[in-house]
Amino acid sequence: MLWAMDFFAIIVGHGLMLYACASLAAAWAWGSRKGSSELWMTVLGLAVPVAAWLMSIAKPAVLWAAPASIALLALMTAKPRAEVVEAIRRDRSADRAAAEDRAISHPDDGAARMTLAKIAEDEGRWDDALDHYDAAHRLSDRMLPEAELASARERVDASRAAAARPKGLTAHPVDAAFLAAAALLALRSPVRGLAPLSCLLFVLWLRGDLGGE
């Protein structure tokens, strides 16, 4: 009976790693890398997990290299990204303060309104962005012609709709099922479960489905 359970764990583990490696390959080819370099994403985020999986057919312990490489890549990516995001926030805050001062002291300053509109759009404040775009158009049709105003409205509306769509695991039930299977497998065989689990969690983080920037 135990040998049958072990055999089942091996088969499920390989199936999960196949899906996890395919997800990593898709993220490597088309997804966001959140600041990770192409070299390290290729080596630690794809080559090592795939190689570890293939080599684990002969030597299962090698599979530990997959979660180790994913953890290392996540650590190498997360801190620099957090620093970049914080720098962007500081710059955006300074630009917003300067533009607000100009808009107050010079109500006819269309450039200030354009700056405030773009900042509001970047921050997801859709109504504020539309208000500032409308104000910029009223102040200067040359700076923001009617056609460009219409384009800005469409872009903001599309971004608003995208932001309203479900996110996280609720938006990806297949990934949720594979994650649950990997977590359950980790209880029976830690390495066979943690390897695909770490890869899938990393892909979800890259896609922004685990929250954060």
Protein backbone atom coordinates (compact mmCIF):
# COMPACT_ATOMS: atom_id res chain seq x y z
CA MET A 1 0.00 0.00 0.00
CA LEU A 2 2.80 2.39 0.89
CA TRP A 3 4.59 1.75 -2.38
CA ALA A 4 1.38 2.58 -4.26
CA MET A 5 1.06 5.89 -2.39
CA ASP A 6 4.70 6.68 -3.11
CA PHE A 7 4.22 5.89 -6.78
CA PHE A 8 1.13 8.10 -6.86
CA ALA A 9 3.10 10.93 -5.21
CA ILE A 10 5.82 10.59 -7.84
CA ILE A 11 3.34 10.74 -10.73
CA VAL A 12 1.47 13.73 -9.23
CA GLY A 13 4.75 15.47 -8.46
CA HIS A 14 5.93 15.19 -12.04
CA GLY A 15 2.59 16.45 -13.32
CA LEU A 16 2.73 19.45 -11.00
CA MET A 17 6.32 20.22 -12.00
CA LEU A 18 5.36 20.02 -15.67
CA TYR A 19 2.66 22.65 -15.12
CA ALA A 20 4.94 24.75 -12.89
CA CYS A 21 7.78 24.75 -15.42
CA ALA A 22 5.38 25.63 -18.22
CA SER A 23 4.12 28.55 -16.11
CA LEU A 24 7.70 29.68 -15.47
CA ALA A 25 8.46 29.50 -19.18
CA ALA A 26 5.39 31.61 -19.97
CA ALA A 27 6.39 34.18 -17.35
CA TRP A 28 9.93 34.22 -18.73
CA ALA A 29 8.75 34.73 -22.30
CA TRP A 30 5.80 37.08 -21.94
CA GLY A 31 5.22 38.11 -18.33
CA SER A 32 6.40 40.87 -16.05
CA ARG A 33 9.77 40.25 -14.40
CA LYS A 34 9.39 42.93 -11.72
CA GLY A 35 12.91 44.17 -12.25
CA SER A 36 14.71 40.83 -12.27
CA SER A 37 17.42 40.67 -14.90
CA GLU A 38 16.99 38.48 -17.96
CA LEU A 39 20.11 36.51 -17.02
CA TRP A 40 19.01 35.62 -13.50
CA MET A 41 15.44 35.02 -14.58
CA THR A 42 16.72 32.61 -17.23
CA VAL A 43 19.17 30.80 -14.95
CA LEU A 44 17.47 30.78 -11.54
CA GLY A 45 13.88 31.17 -12.65
CA LEU A 46 13.82 28.67 -15.50
CA ALA A 47 16.97 26.66 -16.19
CA VAL A 48 17.62 25.47 -12.62
CA PRO A 49 14.02 24.41 -11.85
CA VAL A 50 13.67 22.60 -15.19
CA ALA A 51 17.07 20.90 -14.84
CA ALA A 52 16.33 19.93 -11.24
CA TRP A 53 13.02 18.42 -12.27
CA LEU A 54 14.55 16.37 -15.10
CA MET A 55 17.46 15.20 -12.95
CA SER A 56 15.08 14.27 -10.12
CA ILE A 57 13.85 11.35 -12.25
CA ALA A 58 17.12 9.64 -11.39
CA LYS A 59 17.87 11.38 -8.10
CA PRO A 60 14.84 12.90 -6.33
CA ALA A 61 16.90 14.91 -3.83
CA VAL A 62 18.14 17.14 -6.66
CA LEU A 63 14.62 18.60 -6.80
CA TRP A 64 15.46 20.72 -3.74
CA ALA A 65 17.43 22.93 -6.12
CA ALA A 66 14.15 24.22 -7.61
CA PRO A 67 12.69 25.90 -4.48
CA ALA A 68 16.19 27.03 -3.49
CA SER A 69 16.76 28.81 -6.82
CA ILE A 70 13.27 30.35 -6.80
CA ALA A 71 13.76 31.63 -3.24
CA LEU A 72 17.12 33.14 -4.18
CA LEU A 73 15.67 34.82 -7.27
CA ALA A 74 12.74 36.20 -5.25
CA LEU A 75 15.12 37.67 -2.68
CA MET A 76 17.32 39.17 -5.40
CA THR A 77 14.27 40.74 -7.07
CA ALA A 78 12.10 41.88 -4.17
CA LYS A 79 14.46 44.26 -2.37
CA PRO A 80 15.68 46.24 -5.42
CA ARG A 81 12.09 46.43 -6.68
CA ALA A 82 10.86 47.76 -3.34
CA GLU A 83 13.55 50.45 -3.48
CA VAL A 84 12.55 51.43 -7.03
CA VAL A 85 8.86 51.56 -6.11
CA GLU A 86 9.64 53.76 -3.11
CA ALA A 87 11.77 56.09 -5.25
CA ILE A 88 8.93 56.39 -7.78
CA ARG A 89 6.51 57.23 -5.00
CA ARG A 90 8.79 59.94 -3.65
CA ASP A 91 9.29 61.46 -7.11
CA ARG A 92 5.58 61.29 -7.83
CA SER A 93 4.77 62.95 -4.51
CA ALA A 94 7.21 65.78 -5.25
CA ASP A 95 5.83 66.25 -8.78
CA ARG A 96 2.28 66.29 -7.45
CA ALA A 97 3.09 68.89 -4.80
CA ALA A 98 4.82 71.13 -7.36
CA ALA A 99 1.96 70.79 -9.86
CA GLU A 100 -0.65 71.51 -7.21
CA ASP A 101 1.23 74.66 -6.19
CA ARG A 102 1.34 75.80 -9.83
CA ALA A 103 -2.34 75.04 -10.34
CA ILE A 104 -3.23 77.12 -7.28
CA SER A 105 -0.95 80.06 -8.06
CA HIS A 106 -1.63 79.96 -11.82
CA PRO A 107 -5.13 78.53 -12.41
CA ASP A 108 -4.62 78.81 -16.19
CA ASP A 109 -1.55 76.52 -16.16
CA GLY A 110 -2.61 73.63 -18.40
CA ALA A 111 0.74 71.87 -17.97
CA ALA A 112 0.13 71.59 -14.23
CA ARG A 113 -3.24 70.00 -14.90
CA MET A 114 -1.68 67.51 -17.33
CA THR A 115 0.89 66.55 -14.71
CA LEU A 116 -1.81 66.05 -12.09
CA ALA A 117 -3.89 64.03 -14.56
CA LYS A 118 -1.03 61.65 -15.39
CA ILE A 119 -0.13 61.20 -11.72
CA ALA A 120 -3.76 60.49 -10.80
CA GLU A 121 -3.97 57.97 -13.65
CA ASP A 122 -0.78 56.23 -12.52
CA GLU A 123 -2.14 56.03 -8.97
CA GLY A 124 -5.50 54.63 -10.06
CA ARG A 125 -7.52 57.71 -9.11
CA TRP A 126 -9.64 57.53 -12.24
CA ASP A 127 -12.18 60.28 -11.50
CA ASP A 128 -9.45 62.74 -10.52
CA ALA A 129 -7.54 61.89 -13.68
CA LEU A 130 -10.58 62.58 -15.88
CA ASP A 131 -11.27 65.86 -14.07
CA HIS A 132 -7.70 67.05 -14.63
CA TYR A 133 -7.70 65.98 -18.29
CA ASP A 134 -10.96 67.87 -18.84
CA ALA A 135 -9.52 70.95 -17.11
CA ALA A 136 -6.34 70.78 -19.19
CA HIS A 137 -8.40 70.61 -22.38
CA ARG A 138 -10.50 73.60 -21.35
CA LEU A 139 -7.39 75.61 -20.54
CA SER A 140 -5.51 74.72 -23.71
CA ASP A 141 -7.02 72.96 -26.69
CA ARG A 142 -3.57 73.02 -28.29
CA MET A 143 -1.97 71.20 -25.34
CA LEU A 144 -4.74 68.59 -25.18
CA PRO A 145 -6.84 68.51 -28.37
CA GLU A 146 -10.29 66.95 -28.40
CA ALA A 147 -9.02 63.76 -30.04
CA GLU A 148 -6.33 63.27 -27.40
CA LEU A 149 -8.85 64.00 -24.65
CA ALA A 150 -11.12 61.29 -26.05
CA SER A 151 -8.17 58.89 -26.17
CA ALA A 152 -7.29 59.71 -22.55
CA ARG A 153 -10.89 59.05 -21.48
CA GLU A 154 -10.89 55.67 -23.25
CA ARG A 155 -7.56 54.74 -21.65
CA VAL A 156 -8.74 55.71 -18.16
CA ASP A 157 -12.02 53.84 -18.60
CA ALA A 158 -10.14 50.75 -19.80
CA SER A 159 -7.77 50.94 -16.82
CA ARG A 160 -10.71 51.36 -14.45
CA ALA A 161 -12.40 48.27 -15.93
CA ALA A 162 -9.17 46.26 -15.70
CA ALA A 163 -8.70 47.27 -12.06
CA ALA A 164 -12.24 46.12 -11.27
CA ARG A 165 -11.68 42.61 -12.61
CA PRO A 166 -11.16 39.82 -10.06
CA LYS A 167 -7.56 39.35 -8.99
CA GLY A 168 -5.65 36.77 -7.05
CA LEU A 169 -6.44 33.08 -6.99
CA THR A 170 -10.15 33.70 -7.54
CA ALA A 171 -9.26 34.89 -11.04
CA HIS A 172 -7.13 31.81 -11.69
CA PRO A 173 -8.99 28.72 -10.44
CA VAL A 174 -6.68 26.35 -12.33
CA ASP A 175 -3.63 27.80 -10.59
CA ALA A 176 -5.48 27.62 -7.28
CA ALA A 177 -6.17 23.92 -7.86
CA PHE A 178 -2.53 23.20 -8.69
CA LEU A 179 -1.35 25.18 -5.66
CA ALA A 180 -3.68 23.23 -3.40
CA ALA A 181 -2.49 19.95 -4.90
CA ALA A 182 1.16 20.95 -4.42
CA ALA A 183 0.52 21.95 -0.80
CA LEU A 184 -1.19 18.63 -0.10
CA LEU A 185 1.60 16.73 -1.82
CA ALA A 186 4.17 18.55 0.35
CA LEU A 187 2.60 16.89 3.38
CA ARG A 188 3.35 13.48 1.89
CA SER A 189 6.60 14.31 0.08
CA PRO A 190 8.04 17.72 1.03
CA VAL A 191 10.43 18.08 -1.90
CA ARG A 192 7.93 16.93 -4.53
CA GLY A 193 5.35 19.37 -3.19
CA LEU A 194 7.53 22.36 -2.35
CA ALA A 195 9.25 22.43 -5.73
CA PRO A 196 6.11 23.09 -7.80
CA LEU A 197 4.58 25.14 -4.98
CA SER A 198 7.50 27.58 -4.93
CA CYS A 199 7.52 27.89 -8.72
CA LEU A 200 3.78 28.58 -8.91
CA LEU A 201 3.87 31.11 -6.08
CA PHE A 202 6.70 32.94 -7.83
CA VAL A 203 4.71 33.08 -11.09
CA LEU A 204 1.67 34.43 -9.25
CA TRP A 205 3.85 37.09 -7.62
CA LEU A 206 5.25 38.12 -10.99
CA ARG A 207 1.72 38.46 -12.33
CA GLY A 208 0.68 40.59 -9.36
CA ASP A 209 -1.86 38.04 -8.11
CA LEU A 210 -0.37 37.88 -4.62
CA GLY A 211 -0.89 41.58 -3.91
CA GLY A 212 1.65 44.39 -3.71
CA GLU A 213 3.18 46.40 -6.49
